[in-house]
Amino acid sequence: MHDYNEIFSARAKQYHLAMQTCPKARDAEFLALLQDLPATAIDVLDVPAGGGYLARYLHSPLHLTSCDFSQGFVETGMPLANPQTLPYAADTFDAVLSLTGLHHISFEDQNAFLLESHRVLRSKGSFLVGEVLRGSPVDAFLNDFVHQNNSQGHSGVFFDEGFKVQLADAGFEQISMCVRSYMWQFANVANMLFYCKNMFGIDKASNSELDSGLREYLNYHQAPNGMVQLPWQLVLYHAQKG
């Protein structure tokens, strides 16, 4: 499996192109993660930040800090980190957020990252993770269709009830898990295909083949107003430092 650093050293520019061309496509996804952010949180860490797009959804008085595990993203100015060593002092943040990056790192690095997240959180601080649910249609699309049609492959380590055990082993308390479903939104089919090709590095499938894959695995549909809705889903975890 390619690790996070390798993947996005090669694909960060494509990821940015997707996000900047369709900046509102994943609005519901970022908001799904933030539903569990306590109103009392002020100092917030986003890691791996994947270009820092979460910042669009956080407002004053929140203070957002971002870092990433790949040189491909830190070229924009955010600090480079690794899952085993976050470049922050203990008891620095009220919340640590992580959206859809951890499935690209090994089980061992996930556990190290949980320990580091626990370390940098203040007492009663929140740890929020949004990830791909093991066995879901999104899992099948990524680890089957994208894996076959991306020259790097895609072998995500996806998430289930077992992650709650990992959180508990790292010292977290009050652990909850829920699944949230929503839509990625696009102005038209062409925008959806462009976005997905670049977001997932799909370089071995034509637009026609990608269209068929999105229909087969995710059953996208076009609303009467012409907007294209691509069903998506994540499993959300919320845990607290004691």
C-alpha atoms as a PDB file:
ATOM      1  CA  MET A   1       0.000   0.000   0.000  1.00  0.00           C
ATOM      2  CA  HIS A   2       1.279   3.474  -0.829  1.00  0.00           C
ATOM      3  CA  ASP A   3       1.353   5.613   2.286  1.00  0.00           C
ATOM      4  CA  TYR A   4      -0.219   9.043   2.716  1.00  0.00           C
ATOM      5  CA  ASN A   5       3.009  10.916   2.008  1.00  0.00           C
ATOM      6  CA  GLU A   6       3.628   9.053  -1.263  1.00  0.00           C
ATOM      7  CA  ILE A   7       0.047   9.337  -2.447  1.00  0.00           C
ATOM      8  CA  PHE A   8      -0.293  13.073  -2.002  1.00  0.00           C
ATOM      9  CA  SER A   9       3.251  13.958  -2.979  1.00  0.00           C
ATOM     10  CA  ALA A  10       2.102  12.667  -6.379  1.00  0.00           C
ATOM     11  CA  ARG A  11      -1.521  13.822  -6.304  1.00  0.00           C
ATOM     12  CA  ALA A  12      -1.754  17.018  -4.244  1.00  0.00           C
ATOM     13  CA  LYS A  13      -2.018  19.243  -7.328  1.00  0.00           C
ATOM     14  CA  GLN A  14      -4.905  17.142  -8.674  1.00  0.00           C
ATOM     15  CA  TYR A  15      -6.615  17.247  -5.279  1.00  0.00           C
ATOM     16  CA  HIS A  16      -6.333  21.036  -5.197  1.00  0.00           C
ATOM     17  CA  LEU A  17      -7.642  21.266  -8.767  1.00  0.00           C
ATOM     18  CA  ALA A  18     -10.723  19.245  -7.815  1.00  0.00           C
ATOM     19  CA  MET A  19     -11.399  21.251  -4.651  1.00  0.00           C
ATOM     20  CA  GLN A  20     -10.855  24.606  -6.320  1.00  0.00           C
ATOM     21  CA  THR A  21     -12.936  23.781  -9.401  1.00  0.00           C
ATOM     22  CA  CYS A  22     -15.906  22.534  -7.343  1.00  0.00           C
ATOM     23  CA  PRO A  23     -15.383  24.265  -3.986  1.00  0.00           C
ATOM     24  CA  LYS A  24     -18.847  23.499  -2.598  1.00  0.00           C
ATOM     25  CA  ALA A  25     -19.057  19.837  -3.654  1.00  0.00           C
ATOM     26  CA  ARG A  26     -18.208  18.474  -0.193  1.00  0.00           C
ATOM     27  CA  ASP A  27     -19.928  21.118   1.957  1.00  0.00           C
ATOM     28  CA  ALA A  28     -22.126  18.494   3.618  1.00  0.00           C
ATOM     29  CA  GLU A  29     -19.111  16.312   4.433  1.00  0.00           C
ATOM     30  CA  PHE A  30     -17.176  19.008   6.286  1.00  0.00           C
ATOM     31  CA  LEU A  31     -20.339  20.037   8.118  1.00  0.00           C
ATOM     32  CA  ALA A  32     -21.032  16.407   9.081  1.00  0.00           C
ATOM     33  CA  LEU A  33     -17.714  16.301  10.929  1.00  0.00           C
ATOM     34  CA  LEU A  34     -18.271  19.652  12.622  1.00  0.00           C
ATOM     35  CA  GLN A  35     -21.692  18.701  14.023  1.00  0.00           C
ATOM     36  CA  ASP A  36     -19.900  17.215  17.044  1.00  0.00           C
ATOM     37  CA  LEU A  37     -17.482  20.081  17.647  1.00  0.00           C
ATOM     38  CA  PRO A  38     -18.246  21.510  21.112  1.00  0.00           C
ATOM     39  CA  ALA A  39     -19.262  25.167  21.203  1.00  0.00           C
ATOM     40  CA  THR A  40     -16.593  25.731  23.862  1.00  0.00           C
ATOM     41  CA  ALA A  41     -13.713  24.687  21.560  1.00  0.00           C
ATOM     42  CA  ILE A  42     -11.442  27.603  20.647  1.00  0.00           C
ATOM     43  CA  ASP A  43      -8.039  26.145  19.728  1.00  0.00           C
ATOM     44  CA  VAL A  44      -8.582  23.474  17.048  1.00  0.00           C
ATOM     45  CA  LEU A  45      -6.095  21.262  15.185  1.00  0.00           C
ATOM     46  CA  ASP A  46      -6.891  19.780  11.738  1.00  0.00           C
ATOM     47  CA  VAL A  47      -4.613  16.852  10.806  1.00  0.00           C
ATOM     48  CA  PRO A  48      -3.910  15.626   8.193  1.00  0.00           C
ATOM     49  CA  ALA A  49      -5.397  18.794   6.765  1.00  0.00           C
ATOM     50  CA  GLY A  50      -5.215  17.941   3.055  1.00  0.00           C
ATOM     51  CA  GLY A  51      -4.749  21.499   1.864  1.00  0.00           C
ATOM     52  CA  GLY A  52      -6.564  23.196   4.732  1.00  0.00           C
ATOM     53  CA  TYR A  53     -10.077  23.293   3.252  1.00  0.00           C
ATOM     54  CA  LEU A  54     -11.750  22.796   6.635  1.00  0.00           C
ATOM     55  CA  ALA A  55     -10.896  26.417   7.424  1.00  0.00           C
ATOM     56  CA  ARG A  56     -13.775  27.566   5.195  1.00  0.00           C
ATOM     57  CA  TYR A  57     -16.258  26.106   7.667  1.00  0.00           C
ATOM     58  CA  LEU A  58     -14.818  27.449  10.935  1.00  0.00           C
ATOM     59  CA  HIS A  59     -15.410  30.994  12.098  1.00  0.00           C
ATOM     60  CA  SER A  60     -14.201  33.382  14.807  1.00  0.00           C
ATOM     61  CA  PRO A  61     -13.491  33.033  17.713  1.00  0.00           C
ATOM     62  CA  LEU A  62     -12.132  29.607  16.699  1.00  0.00           C
ATOM     63  CA  HIS A  63      -8.403  29.488  16.063  1.00  0.00           C
ATOM     64  CA  LEU A  64      -7.486  26.770  13.541  1.00  0.00           C
ATOM     65  CA  THR A  65      -4.055  25.153  13.280  1.00  0.00           C
ATOM     66  CA  SER A  66      -3.335  22.755  10.406  1.00  0.00           C
ATOM     67  CA  CYS A  67      -0.585  20.282   9.565  1.00  0.00           C
ATOM     68  CA  ASP A  68      -0.217  17.442   7.120  1.00  0.00           C
ATOM     69  CA  PHE A  69       1.612  14.147   6.613  1.00  0.00           C
ATOM     70  CA  SER A  70       2.629  14.816   2.988  1.00  0.00           C
ATOM     71  CA  GLN A  71       5.139  17.166   1.416  1.00  0.00           C
ATOM     72  CA  GLY A  72       2.644  17.591  -1.404  1.00  0.00           C
ATOM     73  CA  PHE A  73       0.331  19.580   0.854  1.00  0.00           C
ATOM     74  CA  VAL A  74       2.801  21.405   3.080  1.00  0.00           C
ATOM     75  CA  GLU A  75       4.206  23.229   0.061  1.00  0.00           C
ATOM     76  CA  THR A  76       1.298  25.618   0.662  1.00  0.00           C
ATOM     77  CA  GLY A  77       2.886  26.641   3.970  1.00  0.00           C
ATOM     78  CA  MET A  78       1.420  24.381   6.662  1.00  0.00           C
ATOM     79  CA  PRO A  79       3.838  22.352   8.835  1.00  0.00           C
ATOM     80  CA  LEU A  80       4.902  18.832   7.884  1.00  0.00           C
ATOM     81  CA  ALA A  81       4.168  16.223  10.538  1.00  0.00           C
ATOM     82  CA  ASN A  82       4.003  12.468  10.763  1.00  0.00           C
ATOM     83  CA  PRO A  83       1.467  10.298  12.593  1.00  0.00           C
ATOM     84  CA  GLN A  84       3.973   9.427  15.306  1.00  0.00           C
ATOM     85  CA  THR A  85       5.118  12.969  16.087  1.00  0.00           C
ATOM     86  CA  LEU A  86       2.857  16.014  16.022  1.00  0.00           C
ATOM     87  CA  PRO A  87       4.854  19.274  16.240  1.00  0.00           C
ATOM     88  CA  TYR A  88       2.901  20.717  19.185  1.00  0.00           C
ATOM     89  CA  ALA A  89       3.265  20.808  22.946  1.00  0.00           C
ATOM     90  CA  ALA A  90       1.077  18.763  25.272  1.00  0.00           C
ATOM     91  CA  ASP A  91      -2.280  20.251  26.322  1.00  0.00           C
ATOM     92  CA  THR A  92      -2.410  22.736  23.424  1.00  0.00           C
ATOM     93  CA  PHE A  93      -5.809  22.153  21.771  1.00  0.00           C
ATOM     94  CA  ASP A  94      -9.482  21.992  22.718  1.00  0.00           C
ATOM     95  CA  ALA A  95     -10.224  19.742  19.752  1.00  0.00           C
ATOM     96  CA  VAL A  96      -8.375  17.647  17.167  1.00  0.00           C
ATOM     97  CA  LEU A  97     -10.203  16.987  13.882  1.00  0.00           C
ATOM     98  CA  SER A  98      -9.278  14.440  11.232  1.00  0.00           C
ATOM     99  CA  LEU A  99     -11.270  13.995   8.028  1.00  0.00           C
ATOM    100  CA  THR A 100     -10.707  11.053   5.641  1.00  0.00           C
ATOM    101  CA  GLY A 101      -6.922  10.917   5.884  1.00  0.00           C
ATOM    102  CA  LEU A 102      -6.322   8.126   8.380  1.00  0.00           C
ATOM    103  CA  HIS A 103      -7.364   5.308   6.040  1.00  0.00           C
ATOM    104  CA  HIS A 104      -4.153   5.979   4.105  1.00  0.00           C
ATOM    105  CA  ILE A 105      -1.889   5.146   7.073  1.00  0.00           C
ATOM    106  CA  SER A 106      -1.141   1.791   8.659  1.00  0.00           C
ATOM    107  CA  PHE A 107      -2.894   0.385  11.720  1.00  0.00           C
ATOM    108  CA  GLU A 108       0.302   0.950  13.730  1.00  0.00           C
ATOM    109  CA  ASP A 109       0.552   4.584  12.629  1.00  0.00           C
ATOM    110  CA  GLN A 110      -3.135   5.094  13.423  1.00  0.00           C
ATOM    111  CA  ASN A 111      -2.493   3.984  16.980  1.00  0.00           C
ATOM    112  CA  ALA A 112       0.557   6.244  17.278  1.00  0.00           C
ATOM    113  CA  PHE A 113      -1.493   9.144  15.929  1.00  0.00           C
ATOM    114  CA  LEU A 114      -4.216   8.538  18.516  1.00  0.00           C
ATOM    115  CA  LEU A 115      -1.645   8.698  21.302  1.00  0.00           C
ATOM    116  CA  GLU A 116      -0.231  11.933  19.883  1.00  0.00           C
ATOM    117  CA  SER A 117      -3.707  13.438  19.524  1.00  0.00           C
ATOM    118  CA  HIS A 118      -4.458  12.531  23.132  1.00  0.00           C
ATOM    119  CA  ARG A 119      -1.177  14.174  24.203  1.00  0.00           C
ATOM    120  CA  VAL A 120      -1.795  17.514  22.464  1.00  0.00           C
ATOM    121  CA  LEU A 121      -5.393  17.794  23.701  1.00  0.00           C
ATOM    122  CA  ARG A 122      -6.284  19.654  26.860  1.00  0.00           C
ATOM    123  CA  SER A 123      -8.275  17.936  29.578  1.00  0.00           C
ATOM    124  CA  LYS A 124     -11.879  17.378  28.385  1.00  0.00           C
ATOM    125  CA  GLY A 125     -10.748  18.118  24.815  1.00  0.00           C
ATOM    126  CA  SER A 126     -12.559  16.449  21.907  1.00  0.00           C
ATOM    127  CA  PHE A 127     -11.173  14.163  19.215  1.00  0.00           C
ATOM    128  CA  LEU A 128     -13.341  14.026  16.068  1.00  0.00           C
ATOM    129  CA  VAL A 129     -12.696  11.656  13.166  1.00  0.00           C
ATOM    130  CA  GLY A 130     -14.665  11.234   9.938  1.00  0.00           C
ATOM    131  CA  GLU A 131     -13.726   8.169   7.905  1.00  0.00           C
ATOM    132  CA  VAL A 132     -14.893   5.584   5.371  1.00  0.00           C
ATOM    133  CA  LEU A 133     -17.061   2.845   6.857  1.00  0.00           C
ATOM    134  CA  ARG A 134     -15.787  -0.666   6.236  1.00  0.00           C
ATOM    135  CA  GLY A 135     -18.212  -2.597   4.007  1.00  0.00           C
ATOM    136  CA  SER A 136     -20.036   0.512   2.758  1.00  0.00           C
ATOM    137  CA  PRO A 137     -20.646   1.477  -0.900  1.00  0.00           C
ATOM    138  CA  VAL A 138     -17.914   4.107  -0.511  1.00  0.00           C
ATOM    139  CA  ASP A 139     -15.491   1.368   0.625  1.00  0.00           C
ATOM    140  CA  ALA A 140     -16.370  -0.685  -2.479  1.00  0.00           C
ATOM    141  CA  PHE A 141     -15.989   2.289  -4.824  1.00  0.00           C
ATOM    142  CA  LEU A 142     -12.584   3.262  -3.421  1.00  0.00           C
ATOM    143  CA  ASN A 143     -10.991  -0.125  -2.825  1.00  0.00           C
ATOM    144  CA  ASP A 144     -12.453  -1.736  -5.957  1.00  0.00           C
ATOM    145  CA  PHE A 145     -13.189   0.762  -8.736  1.00  0.00           C
ATOM    146  CA  VAL A 146     -10.592   3.400  -7.806  1.00  0.00           C
ATOM    147  CA  HIS A 147      -8.038   0.698  -6.976  1.00  0.00           C
ATOM    148  CA  GLN A 148      -8.432  -0.742 -10.487  1.00  0.00           C
ATOM    149  CA  ASN A 149      -8.390   2.625 -12.254  1.00  0.00           C
ATOM    150  CA  ASN A 150      -5.699   4.573 -10.390  1.00  0.00           C
ATOM    151  CA  SER A 151      -2.060   3.823 -11.275  1.00  0.00           C
ATOM    152  CA  GLN A 152      -1.147   4.084  -7.579  1.00  0.00           C
ATOM    153  CA  GLY A 153      -4.001   1.788  -6.553  1.00  0.00           C
ATOM    154  CA  HIS A 154      -6.188   2.359  -3.498  1.00  0.00           C
ATOM    155  CA  SER A 155      -6.008   0.025  -0.502  1.00  0.00           C
ATOM    156  CA  GLY A 156      -7.645   1.980   2.294  1.00  0.00           C
ATOM    157  CA  VAL A 157      -7.622   0.700   5.882  1.00  0.00           C
ATOM    158  CA  PHE A 158     -11.281   1.422   6.553  1.00  0.00           C
ATOM    159  CA  PHE A 159     -13.126   1.841   9.833  1.00  0.00           C
ATOM    160  CA  ASP A 160     -15.708   0.026  11.960  1.00  0.00           C
ATOM    161  CA  GLU A 161     -16.492  -0.698  15.627  1.00  0.00           C
ATOM    162  CA  GLY A 162     -12.877  -1.740  16.134  1.00  0.00           C
ATOM    163  CA  PHE A 163     -11.735   1.877  16.001  1.00  0.00           C
ATOM    164  CA  LYS A 164     -13.573   2.484  19.271  1.00  0.00           C
ATOM    165  CA  VAL A 165     -11.234  -0.056  20.878  1.00  0.00           C
ATOM    166  CA  GLN A 166      -8.227   1.763  19.407  1.00  0.00           C
ATOM    167  CA  LEU A 167      -9.533   5.028  20.866  1.00  0.00           C
ATOM    168  CA  ALA A 168     -10.030   3.471  24.299  1.00  0.00           C
ATOM    169  CA  ASP A 169      -6.552   1.925  24.209  1.00  0.00           C
ATOM    170  CA  ALA A 170      -5.131   5.402  23.510  1.00  0.00           C
ATOM    171  CA  GLY A 171      -6.775   6.719  26.685  1.00  0.00           C
ATOM    172  CA  PHE A 172      -9.899   8.350  25.250  1.00  0.00           C
ATOM    173  CA  GLU A 173     -13.230   8.287  27.076  1.00  0.00           C
ATOM    174  CA  GLN A 174     -16.919   8.893  26.257  1.00  0.00           C
ATOM    175  CA  ILE A 175     -16.438   7.346  22.815  1.00  0.00           C
ATOM    176  CA  SER A 176     -19.334   7.475  20.364  1.00  0.00           C
ATOM    177  CA  MET A 177     -19.769   6.388  16.764  1.00  0.00           C
ATOM    178  CA  CYS A 178     -22.422   7.198  14.170  1.00  0.00           C
ATOM    179  CA  VAL A 179     -22.874   6.950  10.407  1.00  0.00           C
ATOM    180  CA  ARG A 180     -23.952  10.026   8.453  1.00  0.00           C
ATOM    181  CA  SER A 181     -25.109   9.953   4.839  1.00  0.00           C
ATOM    182  CA  TYR A 182     -25.278  13.018   2.605  1.00  0.00           C
ATOM    183  CA  MET A 183     -24.699  14.147  -0.983  1.00  0.00           C
ATOM    184  CA  TRP A 184     -21.730  15.524  -2.827  1.00  0.00           C
ATOM    185  CA  GLN A 185     -23.233  18.219  -5.074  1.00  0.00           C
ATOM    186  CA  PHE A 186     -22.205  19.192  -8.611  1.00  0.00           C
ATOM    187  CA  ALA A 187     -23.574  21.616 -11.206  1.00  0.00           C
ATOM    188  CA  ASN A 188     -23.634  18.889 -13.871  1.00  0.00           C
ATOM    189  CA  VAL A 189     -22.302  15.440 -14.769  1.00  0.00           C
ATOM    190  CA  ALA A 190     -19.189  16.855 -16.452  1.00  0.00           C
ATOM    191  CA  ASN A 191     -18.209  18.633 -13.235  1.00  0.00           C
ATOM    192  CA  MET A 192     -18.724  15.446 -11.210  1.00  0.00           C
ATOM    193  CA  LEU A 193     -16.526  13.422 -13.572  1.00  0.00           C
ATOM    194  CA  PHE A 194     -13.787  16.059 -13.576  1.00  0.00           C
ATOM    195  CA  TYR A 195     -13.890  16.292  -9.792  1.00  0.00           C
ATOM    196  CA  CYS A 196     -13.757  12.540  -9.189  1.00  0.00           C
ATOM    197  CA  LYS A 197     -11.000  11.987 -11.756  1.00  0.00           C
ATOM    198  CA  ASN A 198      -8.790  14.496  -9.982  1.00  0.00           C
ATOM    199  CA  MET A 199      -9.863  13.834  -6.390  1.00  0.00           C
ATOM    200  CA  PHE A 200      -9.112  10.110  -6.728  1.00  0.00           C
ATOM    201  CA  GLY A 201      -6.330  10.172  -9.323  1.00  0.00           C
ATOM    202  CA  ILE A 202      -8.346   8.103 -11.796  1.00  0.00           C
ATOM    203  CA  ASP A 203      -6.016   7.896 -14.787  1.00  0.00           C
ATOM    204  CA  LYS A 204      -6.914   4.474 -16.212  1.00  0.00           C
ATOM    205  CA  ALA A 205     -10.640   4.973 -16.926  1.00  0.00           C
ATOM    206  CA  SER A 206     -12.380   7.058 -19.566  1.00  0.00           C
ATOM    207  CA  ASN A 207     -15.130   9.488 -18.615  1.00  0.00           C
ATOM    208  CA  SER A 208     -17.657   6.936 -19.850  1.00  0.00           C
ATOM    209  CA  GLU A 209     -16.150   4.201 -17.664  1.00  0.00           C
ATOM    210  CA  LEU A 210     -16.021   6.520 -14.657  1.00  0.00           C
ATOM    211  CA  ASP A 211     -19.659   7.500 -15.222  1.00  0.00           C
ATOM    212  CA  SER A 212     -20.624   3.815 -15.251  1.00  0.00           C
ATOM    213  CA  GLY A 213     -18.599   3.164 -12.102  1.00  0.00           C
ATOM    214  CA  LEU A 214     -20.225   6.029 -10.212  1.00  0.00           C
ATOM    215  CA  ARG A 215     -23.658   4.754 -11.241  1.00  0.00           C
ATOM    216  CA  GLU A 216     -22.867   1.151 -10.318  1.00  0.00           C
ATOM    217  CA  TYR A 217     -21.186   1.734  -6.962  1.00  0.00           C
ATOM    218  CA  LEU A 218     -22.836   4.926  -5.690  1.00  0.00           C
ATOM    219  CA  ASN A 219     -26.013   5.364  -7.769  1.00  0.00           C
ATOM    220  CA  TYR A 220     -25.682   9.069  -8.482  1.00  0.00           C
ATOM    221  CA  HIS A 221     -28.717  10.934  -9.805  1.00  0.00           C
ATOM    222  CA  GLN A 222     -29.624  14.245 -11.379  1.00  0.00           C
ATOM    223  CA  ALA A 223     -32.147  16.482  -9.639  1.00  0.00           C
ATOM    224  CA  PRO A 224     -34.906  18.292 -11.602  1.00  0.00           C
ATOM    225  CA  ASN A 225     -32.907  21.527 -11.342  1.00  0.00           C
ATOM    226  CA  GLY A 226     -29.993  19.860 -13.121  1.00  0.00           C
ATOM    227  CA  MET A 227     -27.767  19.510 -10.042  1.00  0.00           C
ATOM    228  CA  VAL A 228     -26.029  16.150  -9.774  1.00  0.00           C
ATOM    229  CA  GLN A 229     -26.088  14.428  -6.393  1.00  0.00           C
ATOM    230  CA  LEU A 230     -23.518  11.753  -5.573  1.00  0.00           C
ATOM    231  CA  PRO A 231     -24.462   9.764  -2.451  1.00  0.00           C
ATOM    232  CA  TRP A 232     -21.636   9.598   0.080  1.00  0.00           C
ATOM    233  CA  GLN A 233     -21.317   8.378   3.643  1.00  0.00           C
ATOM    234  CA  LEU A 234     -18.846   8.498   6.508  1.00  0.00           C
ATOM    235  CA  VAL A 235     -18.583   6.997   9.955  1.00  0.00           C
ATOM    236  CA  LEU A 236     -17.990   9.673  12.612  1.00  0.00           C
ATOM    237  CA  TYR A 237     -16.240   9.116  15.936  1.00  0.00           C
ATOM    238  CA  HIS A 238     -16.258  11.515  18.878  1.00  0.00           C
ATOM    239  CA  ALA A 239     -14.082  10.878  21.898  1.00  0.00           C
ATOM    240  CA  GLN A 240     -12.874  12.924  24.861  1.00  0.00           C
ATOM    241  CA  LYS A 241      -9.651  13.216  26.796  1.00  0.00           C
ATOM    242  CA  GLY A 242     -10.313  12.654  30.478  1.00  0.00           C
END
